[in-house]
PDB file of N, CA and C in Angstrom:
ATOM      1  N   MET A   1      17.185 120.698  60.710  1.00  0.00           N
ATOM      2  CA  MET A   1      16.407 121.417  59.569  1.00  0.00           C
ATOM      3  C   MET A   1      16.269 122.935  59.921  1.00  0.00           C
ATOM      4  N   LEU A   2      16.362 123.729  58.734  1.00  0.00           N
ATOM      5  CA  LEU A   2      16.113 124.939  59.095  1.00  0.00           C
ATOM      6  C   LEU A   2      14.613 125.288  58.803  1.00  0.00           C
ATOM      7  N   LYS A   3      14.124 125.588  60.198  1.00  0.00           N
ATOM      8  CA  LYS A   3      12.322 125.873  60.012  1.00  0.00           C
ATOM      9  C   LYS A   3      12.007 127.032  60.158  1.00  0.00           C
ATOM     10  N   VAL A   4      12.838 127.939  60.632  1.00  0.00           N
ATOM     11  CA  VAL A   4      12.195 129.286  61.013  1.00  0.00           C
ATOM     12  C   VAL A   4      12.492 130.218  59.932  1.00  0.00           C
ATOM     13  N   GLY A   5      11.443 130.809  59.195  1.00  0.00           N
ATOM     14  CA  GLY A   5      11.881 131.439  58.013  1.00  0.00           C
ATOM     15  C   GLY A   5      12.275 131.059  56.567  1.00  0.00           C
ATOM     16  N   LEU A   6      13.171 130.006  56.521  1.00  0.00           N
ATOM     17  CA  LEU A   6      13.892 129.777  55.498  1.00  0.00           C
ATOM     18  C   LEU A   6      13.080 128.588  54.982  1.00  0.00           C
ATOM     19  N   THR A   7      12.204 127.800  55.723  1.00  0.00           N
ATOM     20  CA  THR A   7      11.607 126.715  55.121  1.00  0.00           C
ATOM     21  C   THR A   7      10.035 126.569  55.658  1.00  0.00           C
ATOM     22  N   GLU A   8       9.343 125.967  54.984  1.00  0.00           N
ATOM     23  CA  GLU A   8       7.711 125.810  55.188  1.00  0.00           C
ATOM     24  C   GLU A   8       7.517 124.361  55.127  1.00  0.00           C
ATOM     25  N   ARG A   9       6.236 123.953  55.862  1.00  0.00           N
ATOM     26  CA  ARG A   9       5.699 122.498  55.556  1.00  0.00           C
ATOM     27  C   ARG A   9       5.436 122.220  54.205  1.00  0.00           C
ATOM     28  N   ALA A  10       5.404 121.125  53.710  1.00  0.00           N
ATOM     29  CA  ALA A  10       5.231 120.857  52.367  1.00  0.00           C
ATOM     30  C   ALA A  10       4.525 119.455  52.361  1.00  0.00           C
ATOM     31  N   ASN A  11       4.066 119.151  51.328  1.00  0.00           N
ATOM     32  CA  ASN A  11       3.395 117.535  51.159  1.00  0.00           C
ATOM     33  C   ASN A  11       4.480 116.618  50.317  1.00  0.00           C
ATOM     34  N   ASN A  12       5.518 116.796  50.797  1.00  0.00           N
ATOM     35  CA  ASN A  12       6.514 115.887  50.093  1.00  0.00           C
ATOM     36  C   ASN A  12       7.069 115.095  51.178  1.00  0.00           C
ATOM     37  N   GLU A  13       8.237 114.009  50.856  1.00  0.00           N
ATOM     38  CA  GLU A  13       8.766 113.133  51.772  1.00  0.00           C
ATOM     39  C   GLU A  13       9.335 113.619  52.848  1.00  0.00           C
ATOM     40  N   ARG A  14       9.907 115.000  52.862  1.00  0.00           N
ATOM     41  CA  ARG A  14      10.895 115.247  53.796  1.00  0.00           C
ATOM     42  C   ARG A  14       9.572 116.173  54.862  1.00  0.00           C
ATOM     43  N   GLY A  15       8.809 116.649  54.249  1.00  0.00           N
ATOM     44  CA  GLY A  15       7.536 117.289  54.865  1.00  0.00           C
ATOM     45  C   GLY A  15       8.006 118.796  55.030  1.00  0.00           C
ATOM     46  N   TRP A  16       8.993 119.369  54.576  1.00  0.00           N
ATOM     47  CA  TRP A  16       9.526 120.664  54.329  1.00  0.00           C
ATOM     48  C   TRP A  16      10.220 121.201  52.830  1.00  0.00           C
ATOM     49  N   ARG A  17      10.091 122.370  52.767  1.00  0.00           N
ATOM     50  CA  ARG A  17      10.644 123.161  51.420  1.00  0.00           C
ATOM     51  C   ARG A  17      11.018 124.155  51.697  1.00  0.00           C
ATOM     52  N   VAL A  18      11.775 124.667  50.947  1.00  0.00           N
ATOM     53  CA  VAL A  18      12.442 126.254  51.039  1.00  0.00           C
ATOM     54  C   VAL A  18      11.070 127.356  50.800  1.00  0.00           C
ATOM     55  N   ALA A  19      10.898 128.145  51.816  1.00  0.00           N
ATOM     56  CA  ALA A  19      10.135 128.996  51.494  1.00  0.00           C
ATOM     57  C   ALA A  19      10.003 129.587  50.174  1.00  0.00           C
ATOM     58  N   ASP A  20       8.861 130.053  49.494  1.00  0.00           N
ATOM     59  CA  ASP A  20       8.751 130.717  48.202  1.00  0.00           C
ATOM     60  C   ASP A  20       9.750 132.027  48.172  1.00  0.00           C
ATOM     61  N   ARG A  21       9.816 132.809  49.216  1.00  0.00           N
ATOM     62  CA  ARG A  21      10.507 134.195  49.280  1.00  0.00           C
ATOM     63  C   ARG A  21      12.154 133.973  49.131  1.00  0.00           C
ATOM     64  N   TRP A  22      12.602 132.846  49.534  1.00  0.00           N
ATOM     65  CA  TRP A  22      13.718 132.619  49.348  1.00  0.00           C
ATOM     66  C   TRP A  22      14.216 131.562  48.458  1.00  0.00           C
ATOM     67  N   ALA A  23      13.491 130.962  47.881  1.00  0.00           N
ATOM     68  CA  ALA A  23      13.721 130.144  46.636  1.00  0.00           C
ATOM     69  C   ALA A  23      14.436 130.449  45.526  1.00  0.00           C
ATOM     70  N   ARG A  24      14.120 131.538  44.992  1.00  0.00           N
ATOM     71  CA  ARG A  24      14.517 131.986  43.657  1.00  0.00           C
ATOM     72  C   ARG A  24      15.020 133.500  43.710  1.00  0.00           C
ATOM     73  N   THR A  25      15.851 134.078  42.813  1.00  0.00           N
ATOM     74  CA  THR A  25      16.272 135.406  42.855  1.00  0.00           C
ATOM     75  C   THR A  25      16.341 135.658  41.435  1.00  0.00           C
ATOM     76  N   LEU A  26      16.924 137.022  40.939  1.00  0.00           N
ATOM     77  CA  LEU A  26      16.860 137.160  39.693  1.00  0.00           C
ATOM     78  C   LEU A  26      18.506 137.415  39.339  1.00  0.00           C
ATOM     79  N   ASP A  27      19.086 137.000  38.352  1.00  0.00           N
ATOM     80  CA  ASP A  27      20.472 137.091  38.386  1.00  0.00           C
ATOM     81  C   ASP A  27      20.599 138.504  37.649  1.00  0.00           C
ATOM     82  N   ALA A  28      21.759 138.921  37.132  1.00  0.00           N
ATOM     83  CA  ALA A  28      22.200 140.210  36.481  1.00  0.00           C
ATOM     84  C   ALA A  28      21.318 140.538  35.151  1.00  0.00           C
ATOM     85  N   SER A  29      21.134 139.703  34.286  1.00  0.00           N
ATOM     86  CA  SER A  29      20.113 139.860  33.545  1.00  0.00           C
ATOM     87  C   SER A  29      18.630 139.927  33.637  1.00  0.00           C
ATOM     88  N   GLY A  30      18.207 139.763  34.871  1.00  0.00           N
ATOM     89  CA  GLY A  30      16.802 139.626  35.132  1.00  0.00           C
ATOM     90  C   GLY A  30      16.230 138.200  35.271  1.00  0.00           C
ATOM     91  N   LYS A  31      16.814 137.185  34.648  1.00  0.00           N
ATOM     92  CA  LYS A  31      16.183 135.935  34.711  1.00  0.00           C
ATOM     93  C   LYS A  31      16.187 135.341  36.005  1.00  0.00           C
ATOM     94  N   PRO A  32      14.924 134.648  36.274  1.00  0.00           N
ATOM     95  CA  PRO A  32      15.001 133.802  37.773  1.00  0.00           C
ATOM     96  C   PRO A  32      15.917 132.669  37.636  1.00  0.00           C
ATOM     97  N   VAL A  33      16.501 132.751  39.062  1.00  0.00           N
ATOM     98  CA  VAL A  33      17.555 131.573  39.063  1.00  0.00           C
ATOM     99  C   VAL A  33      17.332 131.110  40.431  1.00  0.00           C
ATOM    100  N   GLU A  34      17.689 129.648  40.768  1.00  0.00           N
ATOM    101  CA  GLU A  34      17.590 129.281  42.274  1.00  0.00           C
ATOM    102  C   GLU A  34      18.362 129.857  43.256  1.00  0.00           C
ATOM    103  N   ARG A  35      17.846 130.320  44.388  1.00  0.00           N
ATOM    104  CA  ARG A  35      18.893 131.073  45.391  1.00  0.00           C
ATOM    105  C   ARG A  35      19.104 130.175  46.522  1.00  0.00           C
ATOM    106  N   LEU A  36      18.375 129.228  46.978  1.00  0.00           N
ATOM    107  CA  LEU A  36      18.662 128.629  47.909  1.00  0.00           C
ATOM    108  C   LEU A  36      18.165 126.765  47.840  1.00  0.00           C
ATOM    109  N   ARG A  37      18.874 126.005  48.215  1.00  0.00           N
ATOM    110  CA  ARG A  37      18.498 124.553  48.284  1.00  0.00           C
ATOM    111  C   ARG A  37      19.126 123.769  49.471  1.00  0.00           C
ATOM    112  N   ILE A  38      18.060 123.116  49.800  1.00  0.00           N
ATOM    113  CA  ILE A  38      18.370 122.170  51.087  1.00  0.00           C
ATOM    114  C   ILE A  38      18.341 120.812  50.674  1.00  0.00           C
ATOM    115  N   GLY A  39      19.464 119.944  50.907  1.00  0.00           N
ATOM    116  CA  GLY A  39      19.258 118.455  50.578  1.00  0.00           C
ATOM    117  C   GLY A  39      20.502 117.897  51.089  1.00  0.00           C
ATOM    118  N   THR A  40      20.520 116.452  50.892  1.00  0.00           N
ATOM    119  CA  THR A  40      21.757 115.555  51.420  1.00  0.00           C
ATOM    120  C   THR A  40      23.029 115.794  50.488  1.00  0.00           C
ATOM    121  N   VAL A  41      23.838 115.307  50.687  1.00  0.00           N
ATOM    122  CA  VAL A  41      25.046 115.045  50.116  1.00  0.00           C
ATOM    123  C   VAL A  41      24.875 114.362  48.682  1.00  0.00           C
ATOM    124  N   ASP A  42      24.066 113.377  48.680  1.00  0.00           N
ATOM    125  CA  ASP A  42      23.887 112.738  47.435  1.00  0.00           C
ATOM    126  C   ASP A  42      23.125 113.556  46.484  1.00  0.00           C
ATOM    127  N   ALA A  43      22.098 114.264  46.907  1.00  0.00           N
ATOM    128  CA  ALA A  43      21.237 115.098  46.102  1.00  0.00           C
ATOM    129  C   ALA A  43      22.086 116.081  45.237  1.00  0.00           C
ATOM    130  N   PHE A  44      23.413 116.492  46.064  1.00  0.00           N
ATOM    131  CA  PHE A  44      24.106 117.702  45.619  1.00  0.00           C
ATOM    132  C   PHE A  44      25.406 117.015  44.373  1.00  0.00           C
ATOM    133  N   GLN A  45      25.428 115.660  44.536  1.00  0.00           N
ATOM    134  CA  GLN A  45      26.477 115.213  43.581  1.00  0.00           C
ATOM    135  C   GLN A  45      26.350 115.848  42.250  1.00  0.00           C
ATOM    136  N   GLY A  46      27.455 116.584  41.686  1.00  0.00           N
ATOM    137  CA  GLY A  46      27.583 116.855  40.119  1.00  0.00           C
ATOM    138  C   GLY A  46      26.887 118.211  39.978  1.00  0.00           C
ATOM    139  N   LYS A  47      26.648 118.986  41.145  1.00  0.00           N
ATOM    140  CA  LYS A  47      26.389 120.340  41.176  1.00  0.00           C
ATOM    141  C   LYS A  47      27.115 121.035  41.817  1.00  0.00           C
ATOM    142  N   GLU A  48      27.238 122.564  41.610  1.00  0.00           N
ATOM    143  CA  GLU A  48      28.031 123.412  42.295  1.00  0.00           C
ATOM    144  C   GLU A  48      27.211 124.689  42.830  1.00  0.00           C
ATOM    145  N   PHE A  49      27.700 125.295  43.909  1.00  0.00           N
ATOM    146  CA  PHE A  49      26.764 126.341  44.279  1.00  0.00           C
ATOM    147  C   PHE A  49      27.746 127.402  44.660  1.00  0.00           C
ATOM    148  N   ASP A  50      27.716 128.731  44.682  1.00  0.00           N
ATOM    149  CA  ASP A  50      28.539 129.700  45.314  1.00  0.00           C
ATOM    150  C   ASP A  50      28.910 129.472  46.901  1.00  0.00           C
ATOM    151  N   VAL A  51      27.958 129.274  47.673  1.00  0.00           N
ATOM    152  CA  VAL A  51      28.210 129.003  49.005  1.00  0.00           C
ATOM    153  C   VAL A  51      27.324 127.794  49.469  1.00  0.00           C
ATOM    154  N   VAL A  52      27.941 126.990  50.395  1.00  0.00           N
ATOM    155  CA  VAL A  52      27.521 125.844  50.781  1.00  0.00           C
ATOM    156  C   VAL A  52      27.719 125.760  52.229  1.00  0.00           C
ATOM    157  N   PHE A  53      26.523 125.759  53.127  1.00  0.00           N
ATOM    158  CA  PHE A  53      26.626 125.363  54.513  1.00  0.00           C
ATOM    159  C   PHE A  53      26.469 123.946  54.781  1.00  0.00           C
ATOM    160  N   LEU A  54      27.450 123.169  55.160  1.00  0.00           N
ATOM    161  CA  LEU A  54      27.438 121.774  55.350  1.00  0.00           C
ATOM    162  C   LEU A  54      27.471 121.411  56.874  1.00  0.00           C
ATOM    163  N   SER A  55      26.560 120.809  57.334  1.00  0.00           N
ATOM    164  CA  SER A  55      26.407 120.377  58.598  1.00  0.00           C
ATOM    165  C   SER A  55      27.276 118.978  58.800  1.00  0.00           C
ATOM    166  N   VAL A  56      28.371 119.096  59.513  1.00  0.00           N
ATOM    167  CA  VAL A  56      28.670 117.543  60.026  1.00  0.00           C
ATOM    168  C   VAL A  56      28.394 117.256  61.400  1.00  0.00           C
ATOM    169  N   THR A  57      27.471 117.628  61.984  1.00  0.00           N
ATOM    170  CA  THR A  57      26.964 117.702  63.181  1.00  0.00           C
ATOM    171  C   THR A  57      26.417 116.106  63.513  1.00  0.00           C
ATOM    172  N   ARG A  58      27.295 115.400  64.447  1.00  0.00           N
ATOM    173  CA  ARG A  58      27.073 114.008  64.592  1.00  0.00           C
ATOM    174  C   ARG A  58      27.294 113.734  66.064  1.00  0.00           C
ATOM    175  N   SER A  59      27.066 114.486  66.926  1.00  0.00           N
ATOM    176  CA  SER A  59      27.629 114.103  68.169  1.00  0.00           C
ATOM    177  C   SER A  59      26.372 113.206  69.004  1.00  0.00           C
ATOM    178  N   ASN A  60      27.103 112.246  69.517  1.00  0.00           N
ATOM    179  CA  ASN A  60      26.363 111.411  70.455  1.00  0.00           C
ATOM    180  C   ASN A  60      27.137 110.656  71.458  1.00  0.00           C
ATOM    181  N   GLU A  61      26.489 109.638  72.120  1.00  0.00           N
ATOM    182  CA  GLU A  61      27.355 108.834  73.191  1.00  0.00           C
ATOM    183  C   GLU A  61      27.455 107.303  72.852  1.00  0.00           C
ATOM    184  N   LEU A  62      26.898 107.110  71.589  1.00  0.00           N
ATOM    185  CA  LEU A  62      27.089 105.617  71.281  1.00  0.00           C
ATOM    186  C   LEU A  62      28.447 105.041  71.319  1.00  0.00           C
ATOM    187  N   PRO A  63      28.404 103.764  71.586  1.00  0.00           N
ATOM    188  CA  PRO A  63      29.722 103.174  71.759  1.00  0.00           C
ATOM    189  C   PRO A  63      30.245 102.938  70.250  1.00  0.00           C
ATOM    190  N   ALA A  64      31.500 102.861  70.318  1.00  0.00           N
ATOM    191  CA  ALA A  64      32.055 102.494  68.919  1.00  0.00           C
ATOM    192  C   ALA A  64      33.406 101.509  68.723  1.00  0.00           C
ATOM    193  N   ALA A  65      32.945 100.419  69.494  1.00  0.00           N
ATOM    194  CA  ALA A  65      33.916  99.227  69.592  1.00  0.00           C
ATOM    195  C   ALA A  65      34.079  98.528  68.391  1.00  0.00           C
ATOM    196  N   THR A  66      33.031  98.419  67.577  1.00  0.00           N
ATOM    197  CA  THR A  66      32.867  97.502  66.401  1.00  0.00           C
ATOM    198  C   THR A  66      32.932  98.291  65.212  1.00  0.00           C
ATOM    199  N   ASP A  67      32.854  97.764  64.071  1.00  0.00           N
ATOM    200  CA  ASP A  67      32.794  98.495  62.713  1.00  0.00           C
ATOM    201  C   ASP A  67      31.498  98.887  62.948  1.00  0.00           C
ATOM    202  N   GLU A  68      30.274  97.945  63.086  1.00  0.00           N
ATOM    203  CA  GLU A  68      29.064  98.295  62.951  1.00  0.00           C
ATOM    204  C   GLU A  68      28.610  99.587  64.066  1.00  0.00           C
ATOM    205  N   GLU A  69      29.139  99.335  65.153  1.00  0.00           N
ATOM    206  CA  GLU A  69      28.816 100.511  66.127  1.00  0.00           C
ATOM    207  C   GLU A  69      29.421 101.834  65.568  1.00  0.00           C
ATOM    208  N   GLN A  70      30.843 101.983  64.985  1.00  0.00           N
ATOM    209  CA  GLN A  70      31.469 102.959  64.411  1.00  0.00           C
ATOM    210  C   GLN A  70      30.459 103.519  63.233  1.00  0.00           C
ATOM    211  N   ARG A  71      29.856 102.750  62.517  1.00  0.00           N
ATOM    212  CA  ARG A  71      29.011 103.108  61.323  1.00  0.00           C
ATOM    213  C   ARG A  71      27.940 103.832  62.147  1.00  0.00           C
ATOM    214  N   ARG A  72      27.055 103.445  62.876  1.00  0.00           N
ATOM    215  CA  ARG A  72      26.215 103.854  63.700  1.00  0.00           C
ATOM    216  C   ARG A  72      26.411 105.211  64.113  1.00  0.00           C
ATOM    217  N   LYS A  73      27.561 105.378  64.959  1.00  0.00           N
ATOM    218  CA  LYS A  73      27.966 106.101  65.489  1.00  0.00           C
ATOM    219  C   LYS A  73      28.354 107.634  64.831  1.00  0.00           C
ATOM    220  N   TYR A  74      29.274 107.155  63.601  1.00  0.00           N
ATOM    221  CA  TYR A  74      29.936 108.188  62.888  1.00  0.00           C
ATOM    222  C   TYR A  74      29.070 108.313  61.564  1.00  0.00           C
ATOM    223  N   GLY A  75      28.200 107.415  61.145  1.00  0.00           N
ATOM    224  CA  GLY A  75      27.794 107.506  59.933  1.00  0.00           C
ATOM    225  C   GLY A  75      28.650 107.887  58.677  1.00  0.00           C
ATOM    226  N   HIS A  76      27.995 108.578  57.644  1.00  0.00           N
ATOM    227  CA  HIS A  76      28.591 109.259  56.476  1.00  0.00           C
ATOM    228  C   HIS A  76      30.116 110.196  56.612  1.00  0.00           C
ATOM    229  N   LEU A  77      30.276 110.676  58.136  1.00  0.00           N
ATOM    230  CA  LEU A  77      31.322 111.330  58.230  1.00  0.00           C
ATOM    231  C   LEU A  77      32.319 110.380  58.327  1.00  0.00           C
ATOM    232  N   MET A  78      32.635 109.103  58.359  1.00  0.00           N
ATOM    233  CA  MET A  78      33.497 108.114  58.159  1.00  0.00           C
ATOM    234  C   MET A  78      33.895 107.884  56.541  1.00  0.00           C
ATOM    235  N   LEU A  79      33.197 108.130  55.590  1.00  0.00           N
ATOM    236  CA  LEU A  79      33.124 108.082  54.369  1.00  0.00           C
ATOM    237  C   LEU A  79      34.012 109.014  53.478  1.00  0.00           C
ATOM    238  N   GLU A  80      35.045 108.746  53.113  1.00  0.00           N
ATOM    239  CA  GLU A  80      36.041 109.930  52.603  1.00  0.00           C
ATOM    240  C   GLU A  80      35.367 110.369  51.258  1.00  0.00           C
ATOM    241  N   ASN A  81      34.813 109.400  50.258  1.00  0.00           N
ATOM    242  CA  ASN A  81      34.357 109.732  49.048  1.00  0.00           C
ATOM    243  C   ASN A  81      32.970 110.462  49.296  1.00  0.00           C
ATOM    244  N   ARG A  82      32.138 110.506  50.275  1.00  0.00           N
ATOM    245  CA  ARG A  82      30.902 111.160  50.501  1.00  0.00           C
ATOM    246  C   ARG A  82      31.424 112.751  50.969  1.00  0.00           C
ATOM    247  N   LEU A  83      32.543 112.572  52.073  1.00  0.00           N
ATOM    248  CA  LEU A  83      33.035 114.147  52.394  1.00  0.00           C
ATOM    249  C   LEU A  83      33.590 114.647  51.305  1.00  0.00           C
ATOM    250  N   CYS A  84      34.330 114.177  50.546  1.00  0.00           N
ATOM    251  CA  CYS A  84      34.855 114.640  49.001  1.00  0.00           C
ATOM    252  C   CYS A  84      33.727 115.496  48.350  1.00  0.00           C
ATOM    253  N   VAL A  85      32.237 114.634  47.984  1.00  0.00           N
ATOM    254  CA  VAL A  85      31.463 115.314  47.221  1.00  0.00           C
ATOM    255  C   VAL A  85      31.046 116.568  48.294  1.00  0.00           C
ATOM    256  N   ALA A  86      30.571 116.378  49.397  1.00  0.00           N
ATOM    257  CA  ALA A  86      30.178 117.149  50.267  1.00  0.00           C
ATOM    258  C   ALA A  86      30.999 118.760  50.248  1.00  0.00           C
ATOM    259  N   MET A  87      32.337 118.406  50.524  1.00  0.00           N
ATOM    260  CA  MET A  87      33.101 119.797  50.553  1.00  0.00           C
ATOM    261  C   MET A  87      33.830 120.103  49.416  1.00  0.00           C
ATOM    262  N   SER A  88      33.074 119.708  48.052  1.00  0.00           N
ATOM    263  CA  SER A  88      33.663 120.199  47.051  1.00  0.00           C
ATOM    264  C   SER A  88      32.484 120.883  45.967  1.00  0.00           C
ATOM    265  N   ARG A  89      31.245 120.905  46.717  1.00  0.00           N
ATOM    266  CA  ARG A  89      30.384 121.594  46.058  1.00  0.00           C
ATOM    267  C   ARG A  89      30.160 123.070  45.852  1.00  0.00           C
ATOM    268  N   GLN A  90      31.130 123.989  46.538  1.00  0.00           N
ATOM    269  CA  GLN A  90      31.025 125.265  46.740  1.00  0.00           C
ATOM    270  C   GLN A  90      32.067 125.619  45.464  1.00  0.00           C
ATOM    271  N   GLN A  91      31.821 127.089  45.213  1.00  0.00           N
ATOM    272  CA  GLN A  91      32.593 127.595  44.160  1.00  0.00           C
ATOM    273  C   GLN A  91      33.435 128.812  44.933  1.00  0.00           C
ATOM    274  N   ARG A  92      32.758 129.418  45.719  1.00  0.00           N
ATOM    275  CA  ARG A  92      33.346 130.385  46.680  1.00  0.00           C
ATOM    276  C   ARG A  92      33.715 130.362  48.088  1.00  0.00           C
ATOM    277  N   LEU A  93      32.646 129.499  48.811  1.00  0.00           N
ATOM    278  CA  LEU A  93      32.839 129.521  50.291  1.00  0.00           C
ATOM    279  C   LEU A  93      31.896 128.242  50.752  1.00  0.00           C
ATOM    280  N   LEU A  94      32.764 127.496  51.660  1.00  0.00           N
ATOM    281  CA  LEU A  94      32.301 126.400  52.644  1.00  0.00           C
ATOM    282  C   LEU A  94      32.184 126.752  53.812  1.00  0.00           C
ATOM    283  N   ILE A  95      30.971 126.332  54.567  1.00  0.00           N
ATOM    284  CA  ILE A  95      30.984 126.780  55.881  1.00  0.00           C
ATOM    285  C   ILE A  95      30.551 125.506  56.524  1.00  0.00           C
ATOM    286  N   ALA A  96      31.240 124.722  57.193  1.00  0.00           N
ATOM    287  CA  ALA A  96      30.968 123.417  57.729  1.00  0.00           C
ATOM    288  C   ALA A  96      30.605 123.607  59.089  1.00  0.00           C
ATOM    289  N   VAL A  97      29.635 123.076  59.526  1.00  0.00           N
ATOM    290  CA  VAL A  97      29.325 123.373  61.255  1.00  0.00           C
ATOM    291  C   VAL A  97      29.068 122.007  61.761  1.00  0.00           C
ATOM    292  N   GLY A  98      29.726 121.927  63.280  1.00  0.00           N
ATOM    293  CA  GLY A  98      29.533 120.655  63.649  1.00  0.00           C
ATOM    294  C   GLY A  98      30.480 120.740  65.113  1.00  0.00           C
ATOM    295  N   ASP A  99      30.567 119.625  65.661  1.00  0.00           N
ATOM    296  CA  ASP A  99      31.017 119.622  66.906  1.00  0.00           C
ATOM    297  C   ASP A  99      32.645 119.256  67.030  1.00  0.00           C
ATOM    298  N   LEU A 100      33.396 120.267  66.975  1.00  0.00           N
ATOM    299  CA  LEU A 100      34.765 120.029  67.019  1.00  0.00           C
ATOM    300  C   LEU A 100      35.648 119.205  67.828  1.00  0.00           C
ATOM    301  N   GLY A 101      35.157 119.354  68.917  1.00  0.00           N
ATOM    302  CA  GLY A 101      35.664 118.358  70.004  1.00  0.00           C
ATOM    303  C   GLY A 101      35.091 116.815  69.578  1.00  0.00           C
ATOM    304  N   PHE A 102      34.079 116.678  69.070  1.00  0.00           N
ATOM    305  CA  PHE A 102      33.669 115.098  68.748  1.00  0.00           C
ATOM    306  C   PHE A 102      34.610 114.752  67.424  1.00  0.00           C
ATOM    307  N   VAL A 103      34.966 115.754  66.353  1.00  0.00           N
ATOM    308  CA  VAL A 103      35.703 115.235  65.475  1.00  0.00           C
ATOM    309  C   VAL A 103      37.435 115.110  66.094  1.00  0.00           C
ATOM    310  N   LYS A 104      37.539 115.697  66.762  1.00  0.00           N
ATOM    311  CA  LYS A 104      38.962 115.581  67.297  1.00  0.00           C
ATOM    312  C   LYS A 104      39.293 114.316  67.976  1.00  0.00           C
ATOM    313  N   ALA A 105      38.300 114.008  68.650  1.00  0.00           N
ATOM    314  CA  ALA A 105      38.473 112.749  69.558  1.00  0.00           C
ATOM    315  C   ALA A 105      38.015 111.595  68.792  1.00  0.00           C
ATOM    316  N   ALA A 106      37.643 111.589  67.776  1.00  0.00           N
ATOM    317  CA  ALA A 106      37.119 110.372  66.939  1.00  0.00           C
ATOM    318  C   ALA A 106      38.154 109.871  65.823  1.00  0.00           C
ATOM    319  N   GLU A 107      38.721 108.368  66.168  1.00  0.00           N
ATOM    320  CA  GLU A 107      39.958 108.215  65.255  1.00  0.00           C
ATOM    321  C   GLU A 107      39.496 107.834  64.000  1.00  0.00           C
ATOM    322  N   PRO A 108      37.957 107.205  63.736  1.00  0.00           N
ATOM    323  CA  PRO A 108      37.585 106.975  62.440  1.00  0.00           C
ATOM    324  C   PRO A 108      37.436 108.298  61.602  1.00  0.00           C
ATOM    325  N   LEU A 109      37.359 109.134  61.964  1.00  0.00           N
ATOM    326  CA  LEU A 109      37.254 110.266  61.316  1.00  0.00           C
ATOM    327  C   LEU A 109      38.319 111.191  60.647  1.00  0.00           C
ATOM    328  N   ARG A 110      39.486 110.461  60.420  1.00  0.00           N
ATOM    329  CA  ARG A 110      40.771 110.854  60.131  1.00  0.00           C
ATOM    330  C   ARG A 110      40.489 111.922  59.069  1.00  0.00           C
ATOM    331  N   ALA A 111      39.823 111.780  57.874  1.00  0.00           N
ATOM    332  CA  ALA A 111      39.596 112.692  56.723  1.00  0.00           C
ATOM    333  C   ALA A 111      38.882 114.007  57.152  1.00  0.00           C
ATOM    334  N   LEU A 112      38.097 113.837  58.072  1.00  0.00           N
ATOM    335  CA  LEU A 112      37.456 115.378  58.565  1.00  0.00           C
ATOM    336  C   LEU A 112      38.216 115.792  59.457  1.00  0.00           C
ATOM    337  N   ARG A 113      39.030 115.083  60.287  1.00  0.00           N
ATOM    338  CA  ARG A 113      40.097 116.018  61.237  1.00  0.00           C
ATOM    339  C   ARG A 113      40.974 116.376  60.353  1.00  0.00           C
ATOM    340  N   ALA A 114      41.545 116.021  59.529  1.00  0.00           N
ATOM    341  CA  ALA A 114      42.593 116.625  58.559  1.00  0.00           C
ATOM    342  C   ALA A 114      41.847 117.673  57.930  1.00  0.00           C
ATOM    343  N   PHE A 115      40.762 117.879  57.408  1.00  0.00           N
ATOM    344  CA  PHE A 115      40.095 119.038  56.825  1.00  0.00           C
ATOM    345  C   PHE A 115      40.058 120.203  58.111  1.00  0.00           C
ATOM    346  N   THR A 116      39.881 119.629  59.192  1.00  0.00           N
ATOM    347  CA  THR A 116      39.498 120.852  60.355  1.00  0.00           C
ATOM    348  C   THR A 116      40.904 121.346  60.522  1.00  0.00           C
ATOM    349  N   GLU A 117      42.044 120.704  60.348  1.00  0.00           N
ATOM    350  CA  GLU A 117      43.151 120.874  60.694  1.00  0.00           C
ATOM    351  C   GLU A 117      43.760 121.982  59.506  1.00  0.00           C
ATOM    352  N   LEU A 118      43.247 121.666  58.303  1.00  0.00           N
ATOM    353  CA  LEU A 118      43.764 122.308  57.256  1.00  0.00           C
ATOM    354  C   LEU A 118      43.228 123.919  57.323  1.00  0.00           C
ATOM    355  N   CYS A 119      41.960 123.796  57.448  1.00  0.00           N
ATOM    356  CA  CYS A 119      40.821 125.118  57.995  1.00  0.00           C
ATOM    357  C   CYS A 119      41.560 126.083  59.135  1.00  0.00           C
ATOM    358  N   GLY A 120      42.041 125.219  60.191  1.00  0.00           N
ATOM    359  CA  GLY A 120      42.804 125.986  61.226  1.00  0.00           C
ATOM    360  C   GLY A 120      43.889 126.935  60.759  1.00  0.00           C
ATOM    361  N   GLY A 121      44.562 126.762  59.721  1.00  0.00           N
ATOM    362  CA  GLY A 121      45.502 127.293  59.075  1.00  0.00           C
ATOM    363  C   GLY A 121      45.463 128.369  58.472  1.00  0.00           C
ATOM    364  N   HIS A 122      46.058 128.947  57.582  1.00  0.00           N
ATOM    365  CA  HIS A 122      45.788 130.015  56.663  1.00  0.00           C
ATOM    366  C   HIS A 122      44.861 129.948  55.704  1.00  0.00           C
ATOM    367  N   HIS A 123      44.160 128.655  55.481  1.00  0.00           N
ATOM    368  CA  HIS A 123      43.002 128.579  54.482  1.00  0.00           C
ATOM    369  C   HIS A 123      41.550 128.742  55.441  1.00  0.00           C
ATOM    370  N   GLY A 124      41.533 129.030  56.489  1.00  0.00           N
ATOM    371  CA  GLY A 124      40.243 129.269  56.910  1.00  0.00           C
ATOM    372  C   GLY A 124      40.151 129.561  58.452  1.00  0.00           C
ATOM    373  N   VAL A 125      39.042 129.333  59.134  1.00  0.00           N
ATOM    374  CA  VAL A 125      38.744 129.646  60.441  1.00  0.00           C
ATOM    375  C   VAL A 125      38.211 128.240  61.061  1.00  0.00           C
ATOM    376  N   VAL A 126      38.417 127.944  62.270  1.00  0.00           N
ATOM    377  CA  VAL A 126      38.018 126.829  63.057  1.00  0.00           C
ATOM    378  C   VAL A 126      37.625 127.221  64.579  1.00  0.00           C
ATOM    379  N   ARG A 127      36.411 127.357  64.892  1.00  0.00           N
ATOM    380  CA  ARG A 127      36.200 127.839  66.132  1.00  0.00           C
ATOM    381  C   ARG A 127      35.371 126.889  66.923  1.00  0.00           C
TER     382      ARG A 127
END
């Protein structure tokens, strides 16, 4: 969670919210518009934003021998439909942050691995 400066404590189910100074800005006509939103993939379905920061961090040492263990280890990163939603919310820039070694080593993360390979070419940057 982004706790330093961008968020502040709140009385909601998550316990945090975007700090007032970052929550809104003015558009070219002076109308207030949302500036920053933090949420889950599901919360952003059907919405678009200029820039999206996507956390694909899921590093752990859990076993992955069975289907159930793989679901625990990799979570939503195995689900191509959820990745599609997560990676298609931006209009201008998508910044995905995660553990590249974890993605490359994990067989069930084929779609995410293909995405990192695409971004390593002329379409983007992978570090």
